[in-house]
N, C-alpha and C. Protein backbone atom coordinates (compact mmCIF):
# COMPACT_ATOMS: atom_id res chain seq x y z
N MET A 1 81.24 -16.99 7.62
CA MET A 1 80.65 -15.94 8.46
C MET A 1 80.34 -16.48 9.84
N THR A 2 80.71 -15.74 10.86
CA THR A 2 80.32 -16.07 12.23
C THR A 2 78.91 -15.55 12.49
N TYR A 3 78.07 -16.38 13.03
CA TYR A 3 76.72 -15.95 13.36
C TYR A 3 76.76 -14.85 14.43
N VAL A 4 75.75 -14.01 14.40
CA VAL A 4 75.56 -13.01 15.44
C VAL A 4 74.18 -13.24 16.05
N LEU A 5 74.15 -13.49 17.34
CA LEU A 5 72.90 -13.73 18.05
C LEU A 5 72.53 -12.52 18.89
N HIS A 6 71.43 -11.89 18.55
CA HIS A 6 70.89 -10.81 19.38
C HIS A 6 70.06 -11.47 20.47
N TYR A 7 70.45 -11.24 21.72
CA TYR A 7 69.90 -12.01 22.82
C TYR A 7 69.62 -11.12 24.02
N ALA A 8 68.94 -11.68 24.99
CA ALA A 8 68.82 -11.12 26.34
C ALA A 8 68.90 -12.30 27.30
N PRO A 9 69.34 -12.07 28.53
CA PRO A 9 69.53 -13.20 29.45
C PRO A 9 68.22 -13.94 29.75
N ASP A 10 68.30 -15.25 29.70
CA ASP A 10 67.27 -16.15 30.21
C ASP A 10 65.91 -15.97 29.54
N ILE A 11 65.92 -15.80 28.22
CA ILE A 11 64.67 -15.86 27.46
C ILE A 11 64.91 -16.79 26.27
N ALA A 12 64.08 -16.72 25.24
CA ALA A 12 64.12 -17.70 24.16
C ALA A 12 65.47 -17.75 23.45
N SER A 13 66.23 -16.67 23.48
CA SER A 13 67.56 -16.69 22.86
C SER A 13 68.47 -17.72 23.51
N LEU A 14 68.19 -18.09 24.75
CA LEU A 14 68.96 -19.15 25.42
C LEU A 14 68.92 -20.44 24.61
N ILE A 15 67.76 -20.76 24.05
CA ILE A 15 67.60 -22.00 23.28
C ILE A 15 68.47 -21.95 22.03
N VAL A 16 68.50 -20.80 21.36
CA VAL A 16 69.31 -20.65 20.15
C VAL A 16 70.79 -20.68 20.51
N ARG A 17 71.17 -20.04 21.60
CA ARG A 17 72.56 -20.07 22.05
C ARG A 17 73.03 -21.51 22.23
N MET A 18 72.22 -22.32 22.91
CA MET A 18 72.61 -23.69 23.17
C MET A 18 72.63 -24.52 21.89
N ALA A 19 71.69 -24.26 20.97
CA ALA A 19 71.67 -24.99 19.70
C ALA A 19 72.94 -24.70 18.90
N LEU A 20 73.34 -23.44 18.83
CA LEU A 20 74.57 -23.08 18.12
C LEU A 20 75.77 -23.77 18.74
N ASP A 21 75.80 -23.82 20.06
CA ASP A 21 76.90 -24.47 20.77
C ASP A 21 76.93 -25.96 20.45
N MET A 22 75.76 -26.61 20.47
CA MET A 22 75.70 -28.04 20.16
C MET A 22 76.14 -28.33 18.73
N LEU A 23 75.91 -27.39 17.83
CA LEU A 23 76.32 -27.55 16.44
C LEU A 23 77.79 -27.25 16.22
N GLY A 24 78.44 -26.70 17.25
CA GLY A 24 79.84 -26.31 17.11
C GLY A 24 80.03 -25.11 16.22
N GLN A 25 79.03 -24.25 16.15
CA GLN A 25 79.09 -23.09 15.28
C GLN A 25 79.49 -21.84 16.07
N PRO A 26 80.55 -21.16 15.64
CA PRO A 26 80.95 -19.94 16.35
C PRO A 26 79.89 -18.86 16.21
N ALA A 27 79.70 -18.13 17.26
CA ALA A 27 78.71 -17.05 17.25
C ALA A 27 79.14 -15.96 18.22
N THR A 28 78.96 -14.75 17.82
CA THR A 28 79.11 -13.64 18.75
C THR A 28 77.72 -13.23 19.22
N THR A 29 77.65 -12.60 20.35
CA THR A 29 76.36 -12.20 20.90
C THR A 29 76.31 -10.68 21.06
N LYS A 30 75.13 -10.15 20.81
CA LYS A 30 74.88 -8.73 21.04
C LYS A 30 73.63 -8.64 21.91
N MET A 31 73.79 -8.06 23.08
CA MET A 31 72.68 -8.01 24.01
C MET A 31 71.68 -6.93 23.61
N VAL A 32 70.42 -7.30 23.68
CA VAL A 32 69.33 -6.35 23.51
C VAL A 32 68.83 -6.04 24.93
N ASP A 33 69.08 -4.84 25.38
CA ASP A 33 68.81 -4.48 26.78
C ASP A 33 67.31 -4.22 26.98
N ARG A 34 66.62 -5.20 27.55
CA ARG A 34 65.19 -5.02 27.76
C ARG A 34 64.90 -3.99 28.83
N GLY A 35 65.82 -3.83 29.78
CA GLY A 35 65.63 -2.83 30.81
C GLY A 35 65.61 -1.41 30.24
N SER A 36 66.37 -1.21 29.17
CA SER A 36 66.40 0.10 28.50
C SER A 36 65.47 0.16 27.31
N ARG A 37 64.65 -0.90 27.13
CA ARG A 37 63.69 -0.96 26.03
C ARG A 37 64.40 -0.86 24.68
N ASP A 38 65.46 -1.64 24.48
CA ASP A 38 66.19 -1.62 23.23
C ASP A 38 65.42 -2.28 22.09
N GLN A 39 64.41 -3.13 22.42
CA GLN A 39 63.74 -3.88 21.35
C GLN A 39 63.15 -2.99 20.26
N PRO A 40 62.46 -1.90 20.63
CA PRO A 40 61.89 -1.07 19.56
C PRO A 40 62.85 -0.01 19.03
N ALA A 41 64.14 -0.11 19.37
CA ALA A 41 65.10 0.90 18.93
C ALA A 41 65.25 0.86 17.41
N PRO A 42 65.52 2.00 16.80
CA PRO A 42 65.67 2.06 15.33
C PRO A 42 66.78 1.15 14.82
N THR A 43 67.75 0.83 15.64
CA THR A 43 68.83 -0.04 15.19
C THR A 43 68.44 -1.52 15.22
N TYR A 44 67.42 -1.87 16.01
CA TYR A 44 67.03 -3.28 16.13
C TYR A 44 65.82 -3.64 15.27
N LEU A 45 64.88 -2.73 15.13
CA LEU A 45 63.65 -3.03 14.39
C LEU A 45 63.89 -3.45 12.94
N PRO A 46 64.89 -2.91 12.25
CA PRO A 46 65.13 -3.41 10.89
C PRO A 46 65.51 -4.89 10.85
N LEU A 47 66.05 -5.40 11.94
CA LEU A 47 66.42 -6.81 12.01
C LEU A 47 65.22 -7.67 12.39
N ASN A 48 64.38 -7.16 13.26
CA ASN A 48 63.22 -7.90 13.74
C ASN A 48 62.07 -6.90 13.89
N PRO A 49 61.18 -6.81 12.92
CA PRO A 49 60.16 -5.76 12.93
C PRO A 49 59.18 -5.88 14.08
N ASN A 50 59.16 -7.04 14.75
CA ASN A 50 58.29 -7.20 15.91
C ASN A 50 58.97 -6.75 17.20
N GLY A 51 60.26 -6.42 17.12
CA GLY A 51 60.97 -5.99 18.30
C GLY A 51 61.12 -7.07 19.34
N LEU A 52 61.11 -8.34 18.91
CA LEU A 52 61.22 -9.45 19.84
C LEU A 52 62.61 -10.06 19.79
N ILE A 53 62.91 -10.91 20.77
CA ILE A 53 64.20 -11.57 20.89
C ILE A 53 63.94 -13.08 20.91
N PRO A 54 64.75 -13.85 20.15
CA PRO A 54 66.04 -13.55 19.54
C PRO A 54 65.92 -13.18 18.07
N THR A 55 67.05 -12.69 17.56
CA THR A 55 67.29 -12.57 16.12
C THR A 55 68.68 -13.13 15.85
N LEU A 56 68.79 -13.94 14.81
CA LEU A 56 70.08 -14.51 14.43
C LEU A 56 70.48 -13.93 13.08
N ILE A 57 71.67 -13.35 13.02
CA ILE A 57 72.20 -12.82 11.77
C ILE A 57 72.97 -13.94 11.08
N THR A 58 72.57 -14.25 9.84
CA THR A 58 73.12 -15.37 9.09
C THR A 58 73.63 -14.88 7.73
N PRO A 59 74.32 -15.75 6.98
CA PRO A 59 74.73 -15.34 5.62
C PRO A 59 73.56 -15.00 4.72
N GLN A 60 72.37 -15.48 5.07
CA GLN A 60 71.18 -15.20 4.27
C GLN A 60 70.35 -14.04 4.85
N GLY A 61 70.91 -13.36 5.83
CA GLY A 61 70.20 -12.25 6.45
C GLY A 61 69.69 -12.62 7.83
N PRO A 62 68.99 -11.69 8.48
CA PRO A 62 68.48 -11.96 9.83
C PRO A 62 67.29 -12.91 9.81
N ILE A 63 67.26 -13.78 10.81
CA ILE A 63 66.12 -14.68 11.01
C ILE A 63 65.57 -14.42 12.41
N PHE A 64 64.26 -14.27 12.52
CA PHE A 64 63.63 -14.19 13.82
C PHE A 64 62.59 -15.29 13.94
N GLU A 65 62.01 -15.43 15.12
CA GLU A 65 61.13 -16.51 15.55
C GLU A 65 61.99 -17.75 15.88
N THR A 66 61.92 -18.14 17.15
CA THR A 66 62.80 -19.20 17.65
C THR A 66 62.65 -20.49 16.85
N GLY A 67 61.43 -20.91 16.58
CA GLY A 67 61.22 -22.14 15.83
C GLY A 67 61.84 -22.08 14.46
N ALA A 68 61.68 -20.95 13.77
CA ALA A 68 62.24 -20.79 12.43
C ALA A 68 63.76 -20.86 12.48
N ILE A 69 64.36 -20.21 13.47
CA ILE A 69 65.82 -20.24 13.61
C ILE A 69 66.32 -21.67 13.81
N LEU A 70 65.65 -22.43 14.66
CA LEU A 70 66.09 -23.79 14.95
C LEU A 70 65.96 -24.70 13.74
N VAL A 71 64.86 -24.59 13.02
CA VAL A 71 64.68 -25.42 11.82
C VAL A 71 65.72 -25.04 10.77
N TRP A 72 65.98 -23.75 10.59
CA TRP A 72 66.97 -23.30 9.61
C TRP A 72 68.36 -23.83 9.98
N LEU A 73 68.75 -23.74 11.24
CA LEU A 73 70.06 -24.23 11.67
C LEU A 73 70.17 -25.74 11.47
N ALA A 74 69.11 -26.46 11.84
CA ALA A 74 69.15 -27.91 11.68
C ALA A 74 69.31 -28.29 10.21
N GLY A 75 68.61 -27.60 9.33
CA GLY A 75 68.70 -27.90 7.91
C GLY A 75 70.05 -27.52 7.33
N ARG A 76 70.57 -26.38 7.73
CA ARG A 76 71.84 -25.90 7.17
C ARG A 76 73.02 -26.78 7.58
N HIS A 77 72.97 -27.26 8.83
CA HIS A 77 74.14 -27.98 9.36
C HIS A 77 73.92 -29.49 9.47
N GLY A 78 72.75 -29.96 9.08
CA GLY A 78 72.52 -31.40 9.05
C GLY A 78 72.57 -32.07 10.41
N ALA A 79 72.17 -31.37 11.42
CA ALA A 79 72.17 -31.92 12.78
C ALA A 79 71.07 -31.24 13.57
N LEU A 80 70.89 -31.67 14.80
CA LEU A 80 69.87 -31.14 15.70
C LEU A 80 68.46 -31.55 15.31
N GLY A 81 68.33 -32.47 14.42
CA GLY A 81 67.00 -32.94 14.04
C GLY A 81 67.07 -33.82 12.82
N PRO A 82 66.04 -34.63 12.57
CA PRO A 82 66.01 -35.49 11.38
C PRO A 82 66.05 -34.67 10.10
N LYS A 83 66.77 -35.17 9.12
CA LYS A 83 66.86 -34.49 7.83
C LYS A 83 65.52 -34.57 7.09
N ALA A 84 65.35 -33.67 6.14
CA ALA A 84 64.14 -33.70 5.30
C ALA A 84 64.00 -35.06 4.64
N ASN A 85 62.77 -35.56 4.60
CA ASN A 85 62.42 -36.86 4.01
C ASN A 85 62.88 -38.06 4.83
N SER A 86 63.47 -37.81 6.00
CA SER A 86 63.89 -38.93 6.84
C SER A 86 62.81 -39.29 7.84
N GLU A 87 62.90 -40.50 8.37
CA GLU A 87 61.92 -40.95 9.36
C GLU A 87 62.03 -40.08 10.62
N GLY A 88 60.91 -39.71 11.14
CA GLY A 88 60.88 -38.88 12.35
C GLY A 88 60.82 -37.39 12.09
N ARG A 89 60.96 -36.97 10.82
CA ARG A 89 60.95 -35.54 10.52
C ARG A 89 59.62 -34.90 10.89
N ALA A 90 58.52 -35.55 10.55
CA ALA A 90 57.21 -34.97 10.84
C ALA A 90 57.00 -34.82 12.34
N GLY A 91 57.37 -35.85 13.09
CA GLY A 91 57.23 -35.77 14.54
C GLY A 91 58.10 -34.68 15.14
N PHE A 92 59.32 -34.57 14.64
CA PHE A 92 60.23 -33.53 15.11
C PHE A 92 59.63 -32.15 14.91
N LEU A 93 59.10 -31.90 13.71
CA LEU A 93 58.56 -30.58 13.40
C LEU A 93 57.31 -30.25 14.22
N LYS A 94 56.42 -31.22 14.33
CA LYS A 94 55.16 -30.90 15.02
C LYS A 94 55.39 -30.61 16.49
N TRP A 95 56.30 -31.33 17.14
CA TRP A 95 56.53 -31.07 18.56
C TRP A 95 57.37 -29.83 18.79
N LEU A 96 58.28 -29.55 17.87
CA LEU A 96 59.05 -28.31 17.99
C LEU A 96 58.12 -27.11 17.90
N PHE A 97 57.19 -27.13 16.94
CA PHE A 97 56.30 -25.98 16.78
C PHE A 97 55.17 -25.99 17.82
N PHE A 98 54.85 -27.14 18.37
CA PHE A 98 53.93 -27.17 19.50
C PHE A 98 54.52 -26.37 20.66
N CYS A 99 55.82 -26.56 20.90
CA CYS A 99 56.47 -25.80 21.97
C CYS A 99 56.56 -24.31 21.60
N SER A 100 57.02 -24.03 20.38
CA SER A 100 57.26 -22.65 19.98
C SER A 100 55.97 -21.83 19.89
N ASN A 101 54.90 -22.46 19.42
CA ASN A 101 53.66 -21.71 19.17
C ASN A 101 52.63 -21.89 20.27
N THR A 102 52.28 -23.14 20.56
CA THR A 102 51.16 -23.40 21.48
C THR A 102 51.56 -23.17 22.93
N VAL A 103 52.64 -23.80 23.36
CA VAL A 103 53.04 -23.67 24.77
C VAL A 103 53.50 -22.25 25.08
N ARG A 104 54.32 -21.71 24.20
CA ARG A 104 54.86 -20.38 24.48
C ARG A 104 53.78 -19.31 24.50
N GLN A 105 52.71 -19.49 23.75
CA GLN A 105 51.60 -18.53 23.80
C GLN A 105 51.01 -18.44 25.19
N GLN A 106 50.83 -19.58 25.84
CA GLN A 106 50.28 -19.57 27.20
C GLN A 106 51.29 -18.99 28.19
N MET A 107 52.56 -19.19 27.95
CA MET A 107 53.56 -18.61 28.85
C MET A 107 53.57 -17.10 28.74
N THR A 108 53.34 -16.59 27.55
CA THR A 108 53.25 -15.14 27.39
C THR A 108 52.09 -14.58 28.21
N LEU A 109 50.95 -15.28 28.19
CA LEU A 109 49.80 -14.84 28.98
C LEU A 109 50.08 -14.96 30.48
N LEU A 110 50.82 -15.98 30.86
CA LEU A 110 51.15 -16.16 32.28
C LEU A 110 52.06 -15.04 32.78
N PHE A 111 53.07 -14.70 32.00
CA PHE A 111 54.06 -13.72 32.44
C PHE A 111 53.65 -12.27 32.15
N TYR A 112 52.87 -12.08 31.08
CA TYR A 112 52.53 -10.72 30.67
C TYR A 112 51.03 -10.59 30.43
N PRO A 113 50.19 -10.80 31.44
CA PRO A 113 48.74 -10.72 31.22
C PRO A 113 48.28 -9.33 30.80
N ARG A 114 49.11 -8.31 31.09
CA ARG A 114 48.72 -6.94 30.71
C ARG A 114 48.67 -6.76 29.20
N LYS A 115 49.34 -7.64 28.47
CA LYS A 115 49.26 -7.54 27.01
C LYS A 115 47.86 -7.86 26.50
N LEU A 116 47.10 -8.62 27.31
CA LEU A 116 45.74 -8.98 26.93
C LEU A 116 44.72 -8.11 27.65
N VAL A 117 44.96 -7.86 28.94
CA VAL A 117 44.05 -7.06 29.76
C VAL A 117 44.88 -5.95 30.39
N ALA A 118 44.69 -4.73 29.93
CA ALA A 118 45.62 -3.66 30.26
C ALA A 118 45.53 -3.19 31.71
N HIS A 119 44.34 -3.09 32.29
CA HIS A 119 44.21 -2.38 33.55
C HIS A 119 43.59 -3.20 34.69
N ALA A 120 42.67 -4.06 34.42
CA ALA A 120 41.91 -4.75 35.47
C ALA A 120 42.75 -5.88 36.08
N GLU A 121 43.20 -5.69 37.33
CA GLU A 121 44.06 -6.69 37.96
C GLU A 121 43.33 -8.02 38.17
N GLU A 122 42.04 -7.96 38.48
CA GLU A 122 41.29 -9.19 38.68
C GLU A 122 41.24 -10.01 37.39
N LEU A 123 41.04 -9.33 36.28
CA LEU A 123 41.02 -10.03 35.00
C LEU A 123 42.40 -10.56 34.64
N GLN A 124 43.43 -9.82 34.98
CA GLN A 124 44.79 -10.29 34.73
C GLN A 124 45.06 -11.58 35.49
N ARG A 125 44.62 -11.65 36.74
CA ARG A 125 44.81 -12.88 37.52
C ARG A 125 44.02 -14.04 36.90
N ALA A 126 42.85 -13.74 36.36
CA ALA A 126 42.06 -14.78 35.71
C ALA A 126 42.77 -15.29 34.45
N VAL A 127 43.38 -14.38 33.71
CA VAL A 127 44.15 -14.77 32.53
C VAL A 127 45.31 -15.68 32.94
N GLN A 128 45.99 -15.31 34.00
CA GLN A 128 47.12 -16.12 34.46
C GLN A 128 46.66 -17.50 34.94
N LYS A 129 45.53 -17.54 35.63
CA LYS A 129 45.01 -18.83 36.09
C LYS A 129 44.67 -19.73 34.91
N GLY A 130 44.03 -19.16 33.90
CA GLY A 130 43.72 -19.94 32.71
C GLY A 130 44.97 -20.44 32.01
N ALA A 131 46.01 -19.60 31.95
CA ALA A 131 47.26 -20.01 31.33
C ALA A 131 47.92 -21.14 32.11
N GLN A 132 47.85 -21.07 33.43
CA GLN A 132 48.41 -22.15 34.25
C GLN A 132 47.74 -23.48 33.95
N MET A 133 46.42 -23.47 33.86
CA MET A 133 45.69 -24.71 33.59
C MET A 133 46.05 -25.26 32.21
N LYS A 134 46.18 -24.38 31.22
CA LYS A 134 46.57 -24.82 29.89
C LYS A 134 47.99 -25.39 29.89
N LEU A 135 48.88 -24.74 30.60
CA LEU A 135 50.27 -25.20 30.63
C LEU A 135 50.39 -26.57 31.29
N ILE A 136 49.62 -26.80 32.34
CA ILE A 136 49.63 -28.12 32.97
C ILE A 136 49.23 -29.19 31.95
N THR A 137 48.18 -28.90 31.18
CA THR A 137 47.75 -29.84 30.15
C THR A 137 48.82 -30.03 29.08
N HIS A 138 49.44 -28.93 28.64
CA HIS A 138 50.46 -29.02 27.59
C HIS A 138 51.67 -29.83 28.06
N PHE A 139 52.07 -29.63 29.30
CA PHE A 139 53.23 -30.37 29.79
C PHE A 139 52.91 -31.86 29.94
N GLN A 140 51.69 -32.17 30.31
CA GLN A 140 51.30 -33.58 30.38
C GLN A 140 51.29 -34.19 28.97
N THR A 141 50.86 -33.41 27.99
CA THR A 141 50.91 -33.88 26.60
C THR A 141 52.34 -34.17 26.18
N LEU A 142 53.24 -33.26 26.48
CA LEU A 142 54.65 -33.46 26.15
C LEU A 142 55.24 -34.64 26.91
N ASN A 143 54.77 -34.84 28.12
CA ASN A 143 55.31 -35.93 28.94
C ASN A 143 55.03 -37.30 28.32
N THR A 144 53.98 -37.38 27.50
CA THR A 144 53.62 -38.65 26.87
C THR A 144 53.86 -38.63 25.35
N ALA A 145 54.59 -37.63 24.87
CA ALA A 145 54.84 -37.51 23.43
C ALA A 145 55.70 -38.66 22.93
N GLU A 146 55.59 -38.95 21.63
CA GLU A 146 56.37 -40.05 21.07
C GLU A 146 57.86 -39.72 21.10
N THR A 147 58.66 -40.74 20.90
CA THR A 147 60.10 -40.65 21.11
C THR A 147 60.76 -39.59 20.24
N GLN A 148 60.31 -39.42 19.00
CA GLN A 148 61.02 -38.53 18.09
C GLN A 148 60.95 -37.07 18.53
N ALA A 149 60.09 -36.76 19.48
CA ALA A 149 60.03 -35.38 19.98
C ALA A 149 61.30 -35.00 20.71
N PHE A 150 61.98 -35.97 21.31
CA PHE A 150 63.08 -35.64 22.21
C PHE A 150 64.32 -36.49 21.95
N GLY A 151 64.76 -36.52 20.71
CA GLY A 151 66.01 -37.21 20.43
C GLY A 151 67.17 -36.54 21.16
N HIS A 152 68.27 -37.26 21.25
CA HIS A 152 69.43 -36.72 21.96
C HIS A 152 69.95 -35.44 21.31
N ASP A 153 69.69 -35.26 20.01
CA ASP A 153 70.27 -34.12 19.31
C ASP A 153 69.22 -33.17 18.76
N THR A 154 68.01 -33.16 19.34
CA THR A 154 66.99 -32.25 18.84
C THR A 154 66.83 -31.04 19.75
N PRO A 155 66.47 -29.90 19.16
CA PRO A 155 66.30 -28.70 19.99
C PRO A 155 65.02 -28.72 20.81
N THR A 156 64.12 -29.66 20.55
CA THR A 156 62.88 -29.68 21.31
C THR A 156 63.15 -29.90 22.79
N ALA A 157 64.11 -30.76 23.10
CA ALA A 157 64.44 -31.00 24.51
C ALA A 157 64.97 -29.73 25.16
N ILE A 158 65.77 -28.95 24.42
CA ILE A 158 66.27 -27.68 24.97
C ILE A 158 65.09 -26.75 25.24
N ASP A 159 64.19 -26.68 24.28
CA ASP A 159 63.04 -25.80 24.39
C ASP A 159 62.19 -26.17 25.61
N VAL A 160 61.89 -27.46 25.75
CA VAL A 160 61.05 -27.89 26.86
C VAL A 160 61.73 -27.62 28.20
N ALA A 161 63.03 -27.90 28.29
CA ALA A 161 63.74 -27.65 29.55
C ALA A 161 63.70 -26.16 29.91
N ALA A 162 63.86 -25.31 28.92
CA ALA A 162 63.80 -23.87 29.18
C ALA A 162 62.40 -23.45 29.61
N LEU A 163 61.36 -23.96 28.94
CA LEU A 163 59.99 -23.63 29.31
C LEU A 163 59.69 -24.02 30.75
N LEU A 164 60.12 -25.21 31.12
CA LEU A 164 59.91 -25.67 32.50
C LEU A 164 60.68 -24.80 33.48
N ARG A 165 61.88 -24.43 33.12
CA ARG A 165 62.69 -23.55 33.98
C ARG A 165 61.94 -22.25 34.26
N TRP A 166 61.41 -21.66 33.19
CA TRP A 166 60.77 -20.35 33.35
C TRP A 166 59.49 -20.44 34.18
N CYS A 167 58.76 -21.54 34.04
CA CYS A 167 57.56 -21.71 34.87
C CYS A 167 57.93 -21.80 36.34
N ALA A 168 59.09 -22.36 36.63
CA ALA A 168 59.49 -22.55 38.02
C ALA A 168 59.92 -21.26 38.71
N ILE A 169 60.39 -20.26 37.94
CA ILE A 169 61.00 -19.10 38.61
C ILE A 169 60.36 -17.77 38.25
N TYR A 170 59.53 -17.71 37.23
CA TYR A 170 58.94 -16.44 36.82
C TYR A 170 57.41 -16.48 36.95
N GLY A 171 56.80 -15.36 36.69
CA GLY A 171 55.34 -15.30 36.74
C GLY A 171 54.84 -14.93 38.13
N PRO A 172 53.59 -15.27 38.43
CA PRO A 172 53.00 -14.92 39.73
C PRO A 172 53.82 -15.50 40.87
N ASP A 173 53.82 -14.80 42.00
CA ASP A 173 54.61 -15.24 43.14
C ASP A 173 54.20 -16.62 43.63
N ASP A 174 52.92 -16.93 43.56
CA ASP A 174 52.43 -18.23 44.00
C ASP A 174 52.59 -19.24 42.87
N ARG A 175 53.64 -20.08 42.96
CA ARG A 175 53.87 -21.08 41.92
C ARG A 175 53.52 -22.48 42.40
N ILE A 176 52.55 -22.55 43.31
CA ILE A 176 52.15 -23.85 43.83
C ILE A 176 51.54 -24.73 42.74
N TRP A 177 51.10 -24.12 41.64
CA TRP A 177 50.48 -24.86 40.55
C TRP A 177 51.49 -25.71 39.79
N PHE A 178 52.79 -25.38 39.88
CA PHE A 178 53.80 -26.01 39.03
C PHE A 178 54.71 -26.90 39.86
N ASN A 179 54.89 -28.13 39.39
CA ASN A 179 55.80 -29.06 40.05
C ASN A 179 56.44 -29.93 38.96
N LEU A 180 57.75 -29.83 38.81
CA LEU A 180 58.45 -30.58 37.77
C LEU A 180 58.25 -32.08 37.95
N ASP A 181 58.09 -32.54 39.18
CA ASP A 181 57.92 -33.97 39.44
C ASP A 181 56.63 -34.54 38.85
N ASP A 182 55.69 -33.65 38.48
CA ASP A 182 54.44 -34.13 37.88
C ASP A 182 54.65 -34.67 36.47
N THR A 183 55.79 -34.38 35.87
CA THR A 183 56.09 -34.85 34.52
C THR A 183 57.45 -35.57 34.54
N PRO A 184 57.48 -36.82 35.01
CA PRO A 184 58.76 -37.51 35.22
C PRO A 184 59.58 -37.68 33.96
N ARG A 185 58.93 -37.87 32.83
CA ARG A 185 59.70 -38.02 31.59
C ARG A 185 60.39 -36.71 31.22
N LEU A 186 59.72 -35.60 31.41
CA LEU A 186 60.34 -34.31 31.14
C LEU A 186 61.45 -34.04 32.15
N THR A 187 61.27 -34.49 33.37
CA THR A 187 62.33 -34.34 34.38
C THR A 187 63.59 -35.05 33.91
N HIS A 188 63.41 -36.23 33.30
CA HIS A 188 64.55 -36.99 32.79
C HIS A 188 65.28 -36.19 31.71
N PHE A 189 64.56 -35.55 30.81
CA PHE A 189 65.20 -34.76 29.77
C PHE A 189 65.94 -33.57 30.36
N CYS A 190 65.36 -32.97 31.38
CA CYS A 190 66.04 -31.85 32.05
C CYS A 190 67.34 -32.31 32.69
N GLN A 191 67.31 -33.44 33.36
CA GLN A 191 68.51 -33.97 33.99
C GLN A 191 69.58 -34.29 32.96
N ARG A 192 69.18 -34.90 31.84
CA ARG A 192 70.13 -35.25 30.80
C ARG A 192 70.74 -34.01 30.17
N LEU A 193 69.90 -33.01 29.89
CA LEU A 193 70.38 -31.80 29.25
C LEU A 193 71.32 -31.01 30.16
N GLN A 194 71.11 -31.10 31.44
CA GLN A 194 71.91 -30.32 32.38
C GLN A 194 73.38 -30.73 32.36
N ASP A 195 73.67 -31.91 31.86
CA ASP A 195 75.04 -32.42 31.88
C ASP A 195 75.81 -32.16 30.58
N VAL A 196 75.19 -31.56 29.57
CA VAL A 196 75.89 -31.38 28.31
C VAL A 196 76.73 -30.10 28.35
N PRO A 197 77.84 -30.05 27.59
CA PRO A 197 78.71 -28.87 27.62
C PRO A 197 78.00 -27.57 27.27
N ALA A 198 77.02 -27.63 26.36
CA ALA A 198 76.31 -26.40 25.98
C ALA A 198 75.61 -25.77 27.17
N THR A 199 75.13 -26.59 28.09
CA THR A 199 74.47 -26.05 29.27
C THR A 199 75.48 -25.35 30.18
N ALA A 200 76.64 -25.95 30.34
CA ALA A 200 77.67 -25.32 31.16
C ALA A 200 78.07 -23.96 30.59
N ASN A 201 78.20 -23.89 29.28
CA ASN A 201 78.56 -22.62 28.64
C ASN A 201 77.45 -21.59 28.81
N ALA A 202 76.20 -22.02 28.69
CA ALA A 202 75.08 -21.09 28.86
C ALA A 202 74.97 -20.62 30.30
N ARG A 203 75.23 -21.51 31.23
CA ARG A 203 75.22 -21.11 32.65
C ARG A 203 76.19 -19.98 32.90
N SER A 204 77.40 -20.09 32.33
CA SER A 204 78.40 -19.06 32.53
C SER A 204 78.03 -17.77 31.82
N ALA A 205 77.53 -17.89 30.58
CA ALA A 205 77.24 -16.70 29.78
C ALA A 205 76.05 -15.91 30.31
N GLU A 206 75.08 -16.61 30.91
CA GLU A 206 73.85 -15.94 31.32
C GLU A 206 73.58 -16.02 32.82
N GLY A 207 74.54 -16.56 33.57
CA GLY A 207 74.41 -16.58 35.03
C GLY A 207 73.24 -17.39 35.53
N LEU A 208 73.07 -18.60 34.98
CA LEU A 208 71.88 -19.38 35.26
C LEU A 208 71.95 -20.19 36.56
N GLY A 209 73.11 -20.26 37.19
CA GLY A 209 73.21 -21.05 38.41
C GLY A 209 73.60 -22.49 38.11
N PRO A 210 73.91 -23.27 39.14
CA PRO A 210 74.48 -24.61 38.95
C PRO A 210 73.51 -25.66 38.41
N THR A 211 72.22 -25.50 38.67
CA THR A 211 71.24 -26.50 38.25
C THR A 211 70.08 -25.79 37.52
N PRO A 212 70.34 -25.29 36.32
CA PRO A 212 69.35 -24.40 35.68
C PRO A 212 68.06 -25.07 35.29
N PHE A 213 68.06 -26.41 35.13
CA PHE A 213 66.86 -27.08 34.65
C PHE A 213 66.21 -27.98 35.70
N THR A 214 66.97 -28.53 36.63
CA THR A 214 66.37 -29.43 37.62
C THR A 214 66.00 -28.70 38.91
N ALA A 215 66.73 -27.66 39.26
CA ALA A 215 66.42 -26.86 40.45
C ALA A 215 66.73 -25.41 40.13
N PRO A 216 65.95 -24.81 39.22
CA PRO A 216 66.30 -23.47 38.72
C PRO A 216 66.13 -22.39 39.75
N ARG A 217 66.90 -21.35 39.57
CA ARG A 217 66.77 -20.15 40.39
C ARG A 217 66.95 -18.95 39.47
N ARG A 218 66.54 -17.79 39.95
CA ARG A 218 66.65 -16.60 39.12
C ARG A 218 68.12 -16.34 38.77
N PRO A 219 68.38 -15.90 37.54
CA PRO A 219 69.77 -15.76 37.09
C PRO A 219 70.43 -14.50 37.62
N ASN A 220 71.72 -14.53 37.55
CA ASN A 220 72.54 -13.36 37.87
C ASN A 220 73.49 -13.14 36.68
N PRO A 221 72.97 -12.60 35.58
CA PRO A 221 73.76 -12.54 34.35
C PRO A 221 74.93 -11.56 34.45
N PRO A 222 76.06 -11.90 33.84
CA PRO A 222 77.19 -10.98 33.85
C PRO A 222 76.97 -9.76 32.96
N GLU A 223 76.00 -9.83 32.08
CA GLU A 223 75.70 -8.73 31.17
C GLU A 223 74.19 -8.56 31.09
N GLY A 224 73.72 -7.33 31.26
CA GLY A 224 72.28 -7.09 31.19
C GLY A 224 71.55 -7.59 32.40
N SER A 225 70.24 -7.69 32.28
CA SER A 225 69.42 -8.12 33.41
C SER A 225 68.29 -8.99 32.90
N ALA A 226 67.89 -9.94 33.74
CA ALA A 226 66.74 -10.78 33.42
C ALA A 226 65.50 -10.14 34.01
N LEU A 227 64.43 -10.07 33.23
CA LEU A 227 63.20 -9.42 33.69
C LEU A 227 62.08 -10.44 33.78
C-alpha cells in the first residue's frame, strides 16, 4: 500500500513528508485546504476527529498527531530512530515528544492567541509575549540536549528545523525576539538538514524557497496556500 498524507503547505505535515522521503516510502498527498476550512469537512473528520493536519493513511488505518506518526513510521520501517530496547531509545522518544508536545504548544499560542483569548487584543499580545519567552527557553534547552536527540537519521532534527523556520517567518510582525544564531548547535542541524535530498523535494512540493531552514522566507506553494 502506498501511504496517503493529508497535508497543507508549510505546517507539521512537512515533517511527515520529509520523514517518508528519508525512509524511501512512496506516498501520495491530498491537500487539506485551510483557506476553505476543509479541516472540519465531513470527508476529513472521520480520518482525524480533531480536524487537524497531518493525517497519514496506513495499512492499519489513519494515524494523526505528528509525534505518533513519526514513532509509528520509525518502528514499522526500522529507521529514523533507535529501535525498541536499543541504546538511545529513551532519549530519542523524550526529545521527540518534547518538540511535539511542549514546544509546539507554545507555538500554537504564539501564532493563534485567539484560541486562548477570543477578543481582547491586549491579552492576546500578552499571550504571545509569554509564548516567546517560553520558546526561547525551550530552544536553549534543545541547544544543549544530549546527542541522541539529533542523530543523523532521527525525525527530531526535522522537527526542530521546522519549528525554528516557523518562528522566523510567522507570528507577530515584530520578530526581534527570535535569532537563529542564539542557538548555534541548532543552527548546525538546520544547515545539515538543508543539504539532504528530502529537503530539496519538500522545497519543490511546498514552495519553501532555496534556504528553508537557515534563511527561511514565506512559501509560495504550487498547491494551496500557507496561512
